[in-house]
Amino acid sequence: MSDSTETLLAQPLEATDWNRAAQVLEQAVKAGYQDSNAAYLLAMCYKHLGRNADARHVLSKIAQPDANVHLQRGILAFAERDFAAAVEDFSRSLEQEPRSYPAAYNLLLTRLSLGEREACAELIPKIVGLCPAPEEKRFLEILRTLLDGIAGESSPDGNGQDQHYLVGTLTAAEEARLVDLLGGLGQFDVAYPLLARLVAQRPHSVVAHAAYFGAALVEGKHLMDRFQWEEAYSLLAGVARKIEGAGNKLEATSLICLNNMLGVCSSLMQDFERAAWYFRSAQDVFVKDVQAAAGLGNPRHVNERGVYMGAMIEQNLALTAEWQGRFDRAEQHWNRYFDYLEHYFPISRPPEFLPRLAFEGLSRLADVFTRKEKWTSALGFLQRAHRIRPSDSDTLERLFHMYTQLKKTDEARRALKRLREIRPNDPQVELFELDVRDLRNPEDVERMLGDMRRVLQRFPGDMRVEERTTSMINNVIPTLERQGEQYTTQINKVIDQMRRLPSYQINWPVVRNVMRDLEEKFFQLRRVAQKCLSLVSADDLRRDLNSLIHHCDRKIDQCHSLGE
């Protein structure tokens, strides 16, 4: 017989298939298998699958739960932040298994989450003897030191200096664990005073200051989300003073975030000067951070959607200046904001997010500056919006009207040509072409009215065309009235000269020629006014046109009498 032995090949275990395990155990339970171990294992499967409610339900069905069942029920209740139920389950687990350190430690954390700091300080000495290692005992003593400090008490054995020494001699690992524990509670009212005491006893600890600052920042955000601006400002301003007084420098990103949040709170409290100061402070920190990281690449300056941090600061400065009514300053910040957005278009996530953000912002600003009658600025924003979306017909139409408003005829014609390509057979576009014409005399107006009639006949019953026609005639009427005033002034000038001269010195042939020419012009003006009258229905417009027609009739008679 060979003295060699056969061995099995070592193979790694496959990962547990919790879904499959849960299905098998569910079938067993449904088939009537009443063993509590099966229910417990099914609950653990649910726990690993994240189905905490189902796991708690299964564990609650176990008739005679042991210490481990209560422990798991407590853990699940803690995960769902049902701290009252967690305290009850951990207490029962500890009653059934008095030497269970996990039950005692979890009970401590749960009471701490409930804000029962004094109870926790009293509980720690009772569970120190259960610690599995000296390091764990030391950690609990450190935690007790913080809790005693918050309660305003000292150690009952008079070792206050020793406790202070414990906090001062924290190792990096112990400090990181303590900070993680306090931050993981998710209870600001509980964790913040403990972190504040930790910072007080370790004034040069970067980790402690970062945790303290982070907790305040998260709570400040929660307060801001609930529109509690004054409470958020008081909290964050206090943190800023404490950090500045300690001389401990935080990361630039953290300081930028703090100043931005303080600026937002100040803005919404209507203190715009203070808000602008905070935003400028954030900008100063940001510029220095960018300069320090030049050439190294700094992805933290760009958020998950591709928005550059510098753009967000410029936006805040622009809005603050806008609310202060300082539109020239706001325009400078807005332009830098859009420069940043356009630069980062290639990394936008999703790809259309940044272009859409820039387009909507530019469109809004074009409206704002138009209402303020800052035409040049409004035109600049519209042109940038058009570059982002060259085929957007609404933007192109607004751009055309802006060019027309600013008497930029060539640019208006180019915009109209592009608009015709995008919106062919649009009756309004046909009428837009008439807006570009320079109406110098009644002949120009008459030609425009003829083209207007053709458009109306081409698109009968189109309300948009009729409304646009009425609007154009409304703009034409002042032109006709000014023309009538000019003709009237010429008549009065001739009559005034005739009155100053004796009859024999008047050059009657010249007077007759001038009057006949003016009579013809008034005839033409009257004809154009009547054509306009046939195209309008508004009473006020008809009244103005009838008044102009009657004026023309009187002047025609006057010219005729002097022209014979």
Protein backbone atom coordinates (compact mmCIF):
# COMPACT_ATOMS: atom_id res chain seq x y z
CA MET A 1 0.00 0.00 0.00
CA SER A 2 1.27 3.41 -0.89
CA ASP A 3 2.05 5.59 2.08
CA SER A 4 1.08 8.71 0.13
CA THR A 5 -2.13 10.50 1.21
CA GLU A 6 -4.82 11.96 -0.96
CA THR A 7 -5.87 15.57 -0.32
CA LEU A 8 -8.72 17.75 -1.58
CA LEU A 9 -7.91 20.77 -3.67
CA ALA A 10 -8.37 24.03 -1.76
CA GLN A 11 -11.07 26.16 -3.41
CA PRO A 12 -12.36 29.55 -2.25
CA LEU A 13 -15.93 29.64 -1.04
CA GLU A 14 -18.38 31.34 -3.35
CA ALA A 15 -20.16 34.47 -2.18
CA THR A 16 -23.41 33.81 -0.33
CA ASP A 17 -26.48 34.03 -2.54
CA TRP A 18 -28.77 35.76 -0.04
CA ASN A 19 -31.70 35.87 -2.46
CA ARG A 20 -31.57 32.13 -3.03
CA ALA A 21 -31.11 31.44 0.67
CA ALA A 22 -34.11 33.61 1.52
CA GLN A 23 -36.26 31.79 -1.06
CA VAL A 24 -35.36 28.37 0.40
CA LEU A 25 -36.01 29.49 3.98
CA GLU A 26 -39.30 31.15 2.99
CA GLN A 27 -40.45 27.87 1.46
CA ALA A 28 -39.45 26.00 4.61
CA VAL A 29 -41.37 28.41 6.86
CA LYS A 30 -44.45 28.34 4.62
CA ALA A 31 -44.31 24.52 4.63
CA GLY A 32 -44.79 24.60 8.42
CA TYR A 33 -41.22 24.31 9.61
CA GLN A 34 -41.41 25.97 13.05
CA ASP A 35 -37.77 25.83 14.14
CA SER A 36 -36.75 29.27 15.49
CA ASN A 37 -33.35 28.86 13.85
CA ALA A 38 -34.99 28.90 10.41
CA ALA A 39 -36.82 32.13 11.24
CA TYR A 40 -33.60 33.64 12.57
CA LEU A 41 -31.65 32.69 9.43
CA LEU A 42 -34.42 34.05 7.23
CA ALA A 43 -34.28 37.35 9.13
CA MET A 44 -30.50 37.50 8.61
CA CYS A 45 -31.03 36.97 4.87
CA TYR A 46 -33.48 39.86 4.81
CA LYS A 47 -31.02 41.97 6.78
CA HIS A 48 -28.24 41.38 4.24
CA LEU A 49 -30.68 42.19 1.43
CA GLY A 50 -31.57 45.50 3.07
CA ARG A 51 -35.13 44.41 3.85
CA ASN A 52 -35.00 45.58 7.46
CA ALA A 53 -38.76 45.81 7.95
CA ASP A 54 -39.21 42.19 6.81
CA ALA A 55 -36.33 41.08 9.04
CA ARG A 56 -37.87 42.78 12.11
CA HIS A 57 -41.23 41.22 11.34
CA VAL A 58 -39.75 37.70 11.13
CA LEU A 59 -37.78 38.16 14.37
CA SER A 60 -40.89 39.41 16.16
CA LYS A 61 -42.62 36.10 15.34
CA ILE A 62 -40.07 34.05 17.29
CA ALA A 63 -41.96 32.84 20.36
CA GLN A 64 -39.10 32.70 22.85
CA PRO A 65 -36.40 35.09 21.63
CA ASP A 66 -32.96 34.61 23.12
CA ALA A 67 -30.30 37.27 23.72
CA ASN A 68 -29.01 37.09 20.17
CA VAL A 69 -32.51 37.57 18.69
CA HIS A 70 -33.03 40.64 20.87
CA LEU A 71 -29.60 41.90 19.83
CA GLN A 72 -30.45 41.61 16.13
CA ARG A 73 -33.86 43.20 16.67
CA GLY A 74 -32.14 46.10 18.40
CA ILE A 75 -29.64 46.51 15.56
CA LEU A 76 -32.45 46.59 12.99
CA ALA A 77 -34.46 49.08 15.05
CA PHE A 78 -31.36 51.29 15.42
CA ALA A 79 -30.81 51.17 11.64
CA GLU A 80 -34.37 52.46 11.15
CA ARG A 81 -33.79 55.10 13.87
CA ASP A 82 -36.43 53.58 16.11
CA PHE A 83 -34.26 54.26 19.15
CA ALA A 84 -36.92 53.55 21.78
CA ALA A 85 -37.45 50.01 20.45
CA ALA A 86 -33.68 49.54 20.11
CA VAL A 87 -33.14 50.46 23.78
CA GLU A 88 -35.77 47.93 24.85
CA ASP A 89 -34.28 45.11 22.75
CA PHE A 90 -30.66 45.80 23.76
CA SER A 91 -31.70 45.95 27.42
CA ARG A 92 -33.46 42.57 27.16
CA SER A 93 -30.46 41.09 25.39
CA LEU A 94 -28.21 42.34 28.18
CA GLU A 95 -30.56 40.93 30.84
CA GLN A 96 -30.44 37.50 29.24
CA GLU A 97 -26.70 37.64 28.59
CA PRO A 98 -25.13 40.01 31.19
CA ARG A 99 -21.62 39.42 29.78
CA SER A 100 -22.57 40.49 26.24
CA TYR A 101 -20.34 43.40 25.30
CA PRO A 102 -22.07 43.97 21.90
CA ALA A 103 -25.45 44.39 23.66
CA ALA A 104 -23.96 46.76 26.26
CA TYR A 105 -22.04 48.82 23.69
CA ASN A 106 -25.04 49.09 21.37
CA LEU A 107 -27.24 50.11 24.30
CA LEU A 108 -24.73 52.85 25.07
CA LEU A 109 -24.81 54.16 21.47
CA THR A 110 -28.60 54.06 21.38
CA ARG A 111 -28.98 56.04 24.60
CA LEU A 112 -26.40 58.47 23.27
CA SER A 113 -28.48 58.90 20.09
CA LEU A 114 -31.46 59.72 22.30
CA GLY A 115 -29.42 62.48 23.94
CA GLU A 116 -29.26 60.71 27.32
CA ARG A 117 -25.70 61.85 28.00
CA GLU A 118 -25.84 61.52 31.79
CA ALA A 119 -27.27 58.00 31.54
CA CYS A 120 -24.48 57.10 29.14
CA ALA A 121 -21.84 58.47 31.51
CA GLU A 122 -23.29 56.32 34.28
CA LEU A 123 -23.50 53.26 32.02
CA ILE A 124 -19.89 53.31 30.86
CA PRO A 125 -18.33 52.17 34.20
CA LYS A 126 -20.74 49.23 34.25
CA ILE A 127 -19.65 47.95 30.85
CA VAL A 128 -15.93 48.70 31.11
CA GLY A 129 -15.46 45.32 32.76
CA LEU A 130 -17.00 43.66 29.70
CA CYS A 131 -14.45 45.13 27.28
CA PRO A 132 -12.71 42.41 25.25
CA ALA A 133 -9.45 44.39 25.02
CA PRO A 134 -7.61 47.19 26.89
CA GLU A 135 -7.89 49.43 23.82
CA GLU A 136 -11.67 49.19 24.03
CA LYS A 137 -11.62 50.10 27.71
CA ARG A 138 -9.46 53.15 27.01
CA PHE A 139 -11.81 54.25 24.23
CA LEU A 140 -14.83 54.09 26.56
CA GLU A 141 -12.96 56.13 29.17
CA ILE A 142 -12.25 58.78 26.57
CA LEU A 143 -15.90 58.87 25.58
CA ARG A 144 -16.88 59.16 29.24
CA THR A 145 -14.53 62.12 29.61
CA LEU A 146 -16.35 64.00 26.89
CA LEU A 147 -19.75 63.13 28.35
CA ASP A 148 -18.72 64.27 31.85
CA GLY A 149 -17.49 67.53 30.40
CA ILE A 150 -20.81 68.19 28.68
CA ALA A 151 -22.74 67.41 31.86
CA GLY A 152 -20.50 69.76 33.82
CA GLU A 153 -19.25 67.00 36.09
CA SER A 154 -15.91 65.44 36.83
CA SER A 155 -15.00 61.85 37.41
CA PRO A 156 -16.43 60.53 40.70
CA ASP A 157 -13.03 59.23 41.65
CA GLY A 158 -11.48 62.70 41.27
CA ASN A 159 -9.41 61.85 38.24
CA GLY A 160 -10.46 64.89 36.17
CA GLN A 161 -6.88 65.66 35.19
CA ASP A 162 -6.34 62.07 34.13
CA GLN A 163 -9.44 62.22 31.97
CA HIS A 164 -8.26 65.45 30.35
CA TYR A 165 -4.91 63.77 29.80
CA LEU A 166 -6.68 60.87 28.07
CA VAL A 167 -8.24 63.18 25.48
CA GLY A 168 -4.96 64.99 25.00
CA THR A 169 -3.12 61.75 24.28
CA LEU A 170 -5.52 60.35 21.72
CA THR A 171 -3.82 58.43 18.94
CA ALA A 172 -4.74 59.10 15.34
CA ALA A 173 -6.69 55.84 15.15
CA GLU A 174 -8.58 56.57 18.39
CA GLU A 175 -9.41 60.09 17.28
CA ALA A 176 -10.64 58.87 13.89
CA ARG A 177 -12.83 56.24 15.58
CA LEU A 178 -14.24 58.77 18.03
CA VAL A 179 -15.03 61.23 15.26
CA ASP A 180 -16.64 58.49 13.16
CA LEU A 181 -18.76 57.39 16.11
CA LEU A 182 -20.04 60.89 16.85
CA GLY A 183 -20.61 61.73 13.22
CA GLY A 184 -22.34 58.42 12.58
CA LEU A 185 -24.98 59.13 15.21
CA GLY A 186 -26.70 61.49 12.81
CA GLN A 187 -27.98 63.50 15.79
CA PHE A 188 -26.66 67.05 15.64
CA ASP A 189 -27.89 68.06 19.10
CA VAL A 190 -25.99 65.11 20.56
CA ALA A 191 -22.82 65.07 18.48
CA TYR A 192 -22.17 68.82 18.17
CA PRO A 193 -21.53 69.58 21.90
CA LEU A 194 -19.26 66.53 22.13
CA LEU A 195 -17.32 67.61 19.06
CA ALA A 196 -17.09 71.15 20.45
CA ARG A 197 -15.55 69.78 23.66
CA LEU A 198 -13.18 67.62 21.64
CA VAL A 199 -12.06 70.68 19.67
CA ALA A 200 -11.61 72.66 22.89
CA GLN A 201 -9.32 69.99 24.34
CA ARG A 202 -7.50 69.36 21.05
CA PRO A 203 -7.27 72.85 19.52
CA HIS A 204 -4.62 71.86 16.97
CA SER A 205 -6.32 68.70 15.72
CA VAL A 206 -7.20 68.92 12.05
CA VAL A 207 -9.42 65.83 12.29
CA ALA A 208 -11.41 67.21 15.24
CA HIS A 209 -11.89 70.62 13.62
CA ALA A 210 -12.95 69.03 10.33
CA ALA A 211 -15.55 66.86 12.10
CA TYR A 212 -16.80 69.79 14.16
CA PHE A 213 -17.03 71.96 11.07
CA GLY A 214 -18.71 69.20 9.03
CA ALA A 215 -21.39 68.63 11.65
CA ALA A 216 -22.15 72.36 11.79
CA LEU A 217 -22.23 72.59 8.02
CA VAL A 218 -24.70 69.72 7.68
CA GLU A 219 -26.95 71.15 10.37
CA GLY A 220 -26.73 74.58 8.75
CA LYS A 221 -27.86 73.05 5.48
CA HIS A 222 -30.81 71.38 7.23
CA LEU A 223 -31.82 74.71 8.77
CA MET A 224 -31.55 76.44 5.41
CA ASP A 225 -33.67 73.73 3.80
CA ARG A 226 -36.33 74.57 6.40
CA PHE A 227 -35.99 78.32 5.60
CA GLN A 228 -34.61 79.08 9.07
CA TRP A 229 -32.12 81.63 7.78
CA GLU A 230 -31.38 83.43 11.06
CA GLU A 231 -30.78 80.20 12.97
CA ALA A 232 -28.51 78.89 10.22
CA TYR A 233 -26.57 82.15 10.10
CA SER A 234 -26.07 82.22 13.88
CA LEU A 235 -24.76 78.66 13.88
CA LEU A 236 -22.42 79.07 10.91
CA ALA A 237 -21.14 82.50 11.96
CA GLY A 238 -20.26 81.09 15.39
CA VAL A 239 -18.36 78.24 13.79
CA ALA A 240 -16.51 80.67 11.52
CA ARG A 241 -15.42 82.78 14.51
CA LYS A 242 -14.31 79.72 16.45
CA ILE A 243 -12.27 78.34 13.58
CA GLU A 244 -10.70 81.73 12.91
CA GLY A 245 -9.84 82.21 16.59
CA ALA A 246 -8.28 78.76 16.84
CA GLY A 247 -5.98 79.53 13.93
CA ASN A 248 -6.61 76.07 12.52
CA LYS A 249 -6.82 76.13 8.78
CA LEU A 250 -9.45 74.04 7.05
CA GLU A 251 -9.43 72.90 3.48
CA ALA A 252 -10.12 75.64 0.96
CA THR A 253 -13.23 73.84 -0.29
CA SER A 254 -14.68 73.80 3.22
CA LEU A 255 -14.05 77.52 3.75
CA ILE A 256 -15.59 78.33 0.38
CA CYS A 257 -18.67 76.32 1.29
CA LEU A 258 -18.95 78.05 4.68
CA ASN A 259 -18.67 81.55 3.20
CA ASN A 260 -21.15 80.70 0.46
CA MET A 261 -23.72 79.45 2.97
CA LEU A 262 -23.24 82.55 5.14
CA GLY A 263 -23.68 84.69 2.04
CA VAL A 264 -26.88 82.90 1.08
CA CYS A 265 -28.31 83.33 4.59
CA SER A 266 -27.40 87.03 4.57
CA SER A 267 -29.01 87.53 1.17
CA LEU A 268 -32.25 85.92 2.25
CA MET A 269 -32.19 88.07 5.38
CA GLN A 270 -32.02 91.09 3.01
CA ASP A 271 -28.52 92.09 4.16
CA PHE A 272 -27.00 92.29 0.70
CA GLU A 273 -23.85 94.19 1.63
CA ARG A 274 -22.89 91.50 4.12
CA ALA A 275 -23.82 88.79 1.63
CA ALA A 276 -21.55 90.34 -1.00
CA TRP A 277 -18.71 90.43 1.54
CA TYR A 278 -19.06 86.71 2.25
CA PHE A 279 -19.23 85.84 -1.44
CA ARG A 280 -16.11 87.91 -2.15
CA SER A 281 -14.36 86.11 0.72
CA ALA A 282 -15.31 82.79 -0.85
CA GLN A 283 -13.98 84.04 -4.16
CA ASP A 284 -10.66 85.10 -2.62
CA VAL A 285 -10.16 81.65 -1.07
CA PHE A 286 -11.14 79.99 -4.34
CA VAL A 287 -8.69 82.05 -6.42
CA LYS A 288 -5.83 81.22 -4.06
CA ASP A 289 -6.73 77.55 -4.11
CA VAL A 290 -6.81 77.51 -7.91
CA GLN A 291 -3.44 79.25 -8.08
CA ALA A 292 -1.95 76.76 -5.61
CA ALA A 293 -3.26 73.83 -7.63
CA ALA A 294 -2.23 75.23 -11.02
CA GLY A 295 -1.17 72.49 -13.38
CA LEU A 296 -2.05 69.72 -10.92
CA GLY A 297 -5.67 69.24 -11.95
CA ASN A 298 -8.26 69.70 -9.25
CA PRO A 299 -11.48 67.77 -9.83
CA ARG A 300 -12.96 69.02 -6.54
CA HIS A 301 -13.50 72.39 -8.23
CA VAL A 302 -16.13 70.80 -10.50
CA ASN A 303 -19.26 69.16 -9.12
CA GLU A 304 -20.88 65.94 -10.32
CA ARG A 305 -22.86 67.77 -13.03
CA GLY A 306 -19.87 69.59 -14.44
CA VAL A 307 -20.55 73.00 -12.86
CA TYR A 308 -17.33 74.81 -11.98
CA MET A 309 -17.11 76.18 -8.43
CA GLY A 310 -15.98 79.53 -9.78
CA ALA A 311 -19.21 79.77 -11.77
CA MET A 312 -21.31 79.23 -8.64
CA ILE A 313 -19.48 82.01 -6.80
CA GLU A 314 -19.90 84.39 -9.74
CA GLN A 315 -23.60 83.56 -9.85
CA ASN A 316 -24.03 84.42 -6.18
CA LEU A 317 -22.17 87.71 -6.62
CA ALA A 318 -24.26 88.53 -9.71
CA LEU A 319 -27.57 87.86 -7.98
CA THR A 320 -26.56 89.92 -4.96
CA ALA A 321 -25.58 92.86 -7.17
CA GLU A 322 -28.82 92.47 -9.12
CA TRP A 323 -30.91 92.60 -5.93
CA GLN A 324 -29.01 95.73 -4.93
CA GLY A 325 -29.93 97.33 -8.25
CA ARG A 326 -26.27 97.46 -9.35
CA PHE A 327 -26.88 96.06 -12.80
CA ASP A 328 -23.55 97.14 -14.29
CA ARG A 329 -21.69 95.13 -11.65
CA ALA A 330 -24.16 92.25 -11.99
CA GLU A 331 -23.56 92.14 -15.74
CA GLN A 332 -19.81 91.68 -15.22
CA HIS A 333 -20.35 88.75 -12.87
CA TRP A 334 -22.99 87.20 -15.12
CA ASN A 335 -20.69 87.33 -18.13
CA ARG A 336 -17.92 85.55 -16.19
CA TYR A 337 -20.48 83.01 -14.98
CA PHE A 338 -21.51 82.17 -18.53
CA ASP A 339 -17.86 82.09 -19.65
CA TYR A 340 -17.24 79.35 -17.07
CA LEU A 341 -20.33 77.40 -18.09
CA GLU A 342 -19.44 77.50 -21.80
CA HIS A 343 -15.87 76.42 -21.05
CA TYR A 344 -17.13 73.28 -19.28
CA PHE A 345 -19.79 72.33 -21.85
CA PRO A 346 -17.69 69.29 -22.96
CA ILE A 347 -17.85 67.69 -19.49
CA SER A 348 -21.50 68.48 -18.75
CA ARG A 349 -23.34 65.58 -17.09
CA PRO A 350 -25.80 64.93 -18.65
CA PRO A 351 -24.46 66.51 -21.86
CA GLU A 352 -27.41 68.91 -22.26
CA PHE A 353 -27.37 70.17 -18.64
CA LEU A 354 -24.82 73.02 -18.86
CA PRO A 355 -25.98 74.27 -22.30
CA ARG A 356 -29.57 74.33 -21.08
CA LEU A 357 -28.57 76.07 -17.83
CA ALA A 358 -26.67 78.73 -19.76
CA PHE A 359 -29.44 79.21 -22.32
CA GLU A 360 -32.19 79.62 -19.72
CA GLY A 361 -30.05 82.02 -17.70
CA LEU A 362 -29.21 84.16 -20.72
CA SER A 363 -32.86 84.30 -21.76
CA ARG A 364 -33.87 85.45 -18.28
CA LEU A 365 -31.23 88.16 -18.22
CA ALA A 366 -32.26 89.38 -21.66
CA ASP A 367 -35.76 89.92 -20.25
CA VAL A 368 -34.44 91.61 -17.10
CA PHE A 369 -32.22 94.06 -18.95
CA THR A 370 -34.91 94.74 -21.54
CA ARG A 371 -37.34 95.76 -18.81
CA LYS A 372 -34.62 98.05 -17.44
CA GLU A 373 -34.23 99.49 -21.00
CA LYS A 374 -30.57 98.50 -21.05
CA TRP A 375 -30.80 97.54 -24.71
CA THR A 376 -27.12 96.94 -25.42
CA SER A 377 -26.73 94.57 -22.48
CA ALA A 378 -29.95 92.76 -23.37
CA LEU A 379 -28.70 92.36 -26.93
CA GLY A 380 -25.42 90.86 -25.70
CA PHE A 381 -27.23 88.20 -23.65
CA LEU A 382 -29.55 87.37 -26.54
CA GLN A 383 -26.62 86.96 -28.92
CA ARG A 384 -24.94 84.52 -26.50
CA ALA A 385 -28.20 82.58 -26.14
CA HIS A 386 -28.48 82.42 -29.94
CA ARG A 387 -24.93 81.04 -30.23
CA ILE A 388 -25.85 78.24 -27.83
CA ARG A 389 -29.07 77.38 -29.70
CA PRO A 390 -28.74 78.71 -33.26
CA SER A 391 -31.98 77.03 -34.34
CA ASP A 392 -34.21 78.30 -31.55
CA SER A 393 -36.81 80.35 -33.39
CA ASP A 394 -38.09 82.23 -30.33
CA THR A 395 -34.61 83.51 -29.49
CA LEU A 396 -34.03 84.44 -33.11
CA GLU A 397 -37.31 86.34 -33.19
CA ARG A 398 -36.42 88.25 -30.03
CA LEU A 399 -33.01 88.98 -31.52
CA PHE A 400 -34.64 90.36 -34.67
CA HIS A 401 -36.87 92.69 -32.65
CA MET A 402 -33.88 93.83 -30.58
CA TYR A 403 -31.93 94.66 -33.74
CA THR A 404 -34.94 96.54 -35.02
CA GLN A 405 -35.26 98.44 -31.74
CA LEU A 406 -31.60 99.48 -31.92
CA LYS A 407 -31.86 100.43 -35.63
CA LYS A 408 -29.37 97.73 -36.64
CA THR A 409 -31.04 97.13 -40.01
CA ASP A 410 -28.42 94.88 -41.57
CA GLU A 411 -28.26 92.58 -38.54
CA ALA A 412 -32.06 92.52 -38.38
CA ARG A 413 -32.27 91.44 -42.03
CA ARG A 414 -29.75 88.63 -41.44
CA ALA A 415 -31.72 87.45 -38.42
CA LEU A 416 -34.94 87.59 -40.45
CA LYS A 417 -33.37 85.56 -43.26
CA ARG A 418 -32.37 82.86 -40.78
CA LEU A 419 -35.83 82.99 -39.19
CA ARG A 420 -37.43 82.42 -42.60
CA GLU A 421 -35.33 79.28 -43.01
CA ILE A 422 -36.38 77.94 -39.61
CA ARG A 423 -40.05 78.94 -39.84
CA PRO A 424 -41.09 78.86 -43.49
CA ASN A 425 -44.64 79.91 -44.37
CA ASP A 426 -45.07 81.64 -41.04
CA PRO A 427 -47.36 84.65 -41.58
CA GLN A 428 -45.79 86.59 -38.74
CA VAL A 429 -42.37 86.28 -40.33
CA GLU A 430 -43.84 87.79 -43.49
CA LEU A 431 -44.90 90.80 -41.44
CA PHE A 432 -41.56 91.03 -39.64
CA GLU A 433 -39.95 92.01 -42.93
CA LEU A 434 -42.09 95.13 -42.96
CA ASP A 435 -40.60 96.18 -39.63
CA VAL A 436 -37.18 96.53 -41.21
CA ARG A 437 -38.35 99.10 -43.73
CA ASP A 438 -37.43 102.72 -43.21
CA LEU A 439 -40.63 104.76 -43.39
CA ARG A 440 -39.55 108.24 -44.49
CA ASN A 441 -42.73 109.51 -46.20
CA PRO A 442 -46.35 108.55 -46.94
CA GLU A 443 -45.24 106.70 -50.09
CA ASP A 444 -43.22 104.27 -47.97
CA VAL A 445 -46.17 103.79 -45.62
CA GLU A 446 -48.50 103.23 -48.55
CA ARG A 447 -46.25 100.53 -50.00
CA MET A 448 -46.08 98.88 -46.61
CA LEU A 449 -49.88 98.91 -46.30
CA GLY A 450 -50.15 97.26 -49.71
CA ASP A 451 -47.82 94.46 -48.65
CA MET A 452 -49.74 94.17 -45.41
CA ARG A 453 -52.99 93.67 -47.33
CA ARG A 454 -51.40 90.94 -49.40
CA VAL A 455 -50.31 89.08 -46.26
CA LEU A 456 -53.83 89.39 -44.80
CA GLN A 457 -55.32 88.02 -48.02
CA ARG A 458 -52.79 85.18 -48.05
CA PHE A 459 -53.60 84.17 -44.47
CA PRO A 460 -57.29 85.06 -43.98
CA GLY A 461 -58.70 84.66 -40.49
CA ASP A 462 -55.30 84.27 -38.81
CA MET A 463 -55.60 86.12 -35.51
CA ARG A 464 -51.84 86.41 -35.13
CA VAL A 465 -51.59 88.25 -38.43
CA GLU A 466 -54.47 90.55 -37.56
CA GLU A 467 -52.99 91.37 -34.16
CA ARG A 468 -49.58 91.98 -35.67
CA THR A 469 -51.10 94.19 -38.37
CA THR A 470 -52.90 96.28 -35.78
CA SER A 471 -49.68 96.64 -33.81
CA MET A 472 -47.77 97.79 -36.89
CA ILE A 473 -50.45 100.33 -37.81
CA ASN A 474 -50.37 101.58 -34.25
CA ASN A 475 -46.65 102.28 -34.76
CA VAL A 476 -47.31 103.89 -38.15
CA ILE A 477 -49.91 106.41 -36.96
CA PRO A 478 -47.37 108.59 -35.06
CA THR A 479 -45.26 108.68 -38.24
CA LEU A 480 -48.23 109.92 -40.26
CA GLU A 481 -49.10 112.49 -37.60
CA ARG A 482 -45.52 113.81 -37.60
CA GLN A 483 -45.64 114.05 -41.38
CA GLY A 484 -48.88 116.04 -41.17
CA GLU A 485 -47.29 118.39 -38.62
CA GLN A 486 -44.33 118.97 -40.95
CA TYR A 487 -46.63 119.84 -43.86
CA THR A 488 -48.66 122.12 -41.61
CA THR A 489 -45.50 123.87 -40.46
CA GLN A 490 -44.55 124.54 -44.09
CA ILE A 491 -48.00 126.07 -44.77
CA ASN A 492 -47.79 128.27 -41.69
CA LYS A 493 -44.31 129.40 -42.67
CA VAL A 494 -45.52 130.50 -46.12
CA ILE A 495 -48.55 132.28 -44.67
CA ASP A 496 -46.40 134.02 -42.05
CA GLN A 497 -44.07 135.32 -44.77
CA MET A 498 -47.06 136.51 -46.84
CA ARG A 499 -48.42 138.48 -43.89
CA ARG A 500 -45.14 140.31 -43.43
CA LEU A 501 -44.95 141.47 -47.05
CA PRO A 502 -47.10 143.90 -49.00
CA SER A 503 -49.27 142.24 -51.62
CA TYR A 504 -47.23 143.56 -54.51
CA GLN A 505 -44.02 142.05 -53.07
CA ILE A 506 -45.44 138.53 -52.78
CA ASN A 507 -44.22 136.15 -55.45
CA TRP A 508 -47.59 134.63 -56.19
CA PRO A 509 -46.43 132.05 -58.77
CA VAL A 510 -44.04 130.53 -56.19
CA VAL A 511 -46.73 130.58 -53.50
CA ARG A 512 -49.19 128.83 -55.81
CA ASN A 513 -46.62 126.13 -56.73
CA VAL A 514 -45.74 125.49 -53.07
CA MET A 515 -49.40 125.30 -52.07
CA ARG A 516 -50.28 122.93 -54.91
CA ASP A 517 -47.37 120.70 -53.90
CA LEU A 518 -48.49 120.71 -50.26
CA GLU A 519 -52.08 120.10 -51.33
CA GLU A 520 -50.93 116.98 -53.20
CA LYS A 521 -48.97 115.80 -50.16
CA PHE A 522 -52.01 116.24 -47.91
CA PHE A 523 -54.11 114.33 -50.45
CA GLN A 524 -51.61 111.49 -50.31
CA LEU A 525 -51.44 111.61 -46.49
CA ARG A 526 -55.24 111.52 -46.33
CA ARG A 527 -55.31 108.51 -48.69
CA VAL A 528 -52.82 106.60 -46.57
CA ALA A 529 -54.75 107.44 -43.38
CA GLN A 530 -57.96 106.11 -44.94
CA LYS A 531 -56.20 102.88 -45.91
CA CYS A 532 -55.03 102.50 -42.36
CA LEU A 533 -58.56 103.17 -41.14
CA SER A 534 -59.86 100.22 -43.14
CA LEU A 535 -57.38 97.89 -41.44
CA VAL A 536 -58.04 98.73 -37.78
CA SER A 537 -60.99 98.16 -35.49
CA ALA A 538 -59.80 99.60 -32.18
CA ASP A 539 -61.76 102.72 -31.24
CA ASP A 540 -58.77 104.74 -30.08
CA LEU A 541 -56.86 104.06 -33.31
CA ARG A 542 -59.87 104.90 -35.44
CA ARG A 543 -60.34 108.12 -33.49
CA ASP A 544 -56.73 109.17 -34.11
CA LEU A 545 -56.94 108.35 -37.80
CA ASN A 546 -60.26 110.22 -38.23
CA SER A 547 -58.74 113.24 -36.52
CA LEU A 548 -55.80 113.11 -38.95
CA ILE A 549 -58.15 112.79 -41.93
CA HIS A 550 -60.19 115.84 -40.83
CA HIS A 551 -56.97 117.79 -40.35
CA CYS A 552 -55.88 116.85 -43.87
CA ASP A 553 -59.27 117.99 -45.25
CA ARG A 554 -58.88 121.42 -43.64
CA LYS A 555 -55.34 121.85 -44.92
CA ILE A 556 -56.29 120.70 -48.39
CA ASP A 557 -58.95 123.41 -48.52
CA GLN A 558 -56.46 125.97 -47.24
CA CYS A 559 -53.82 124.97 -49.79
CA HIS A 560 -56.42 124.95 -52.58
CA SER A 561 -57.58 128.48 -51.76
CA LEU A 562 -54.01 129.78 -51.85
CA GLY A 563 -53.01 127.74 -54.86
CA GLU A 564 -55.62 129.09 -57.29
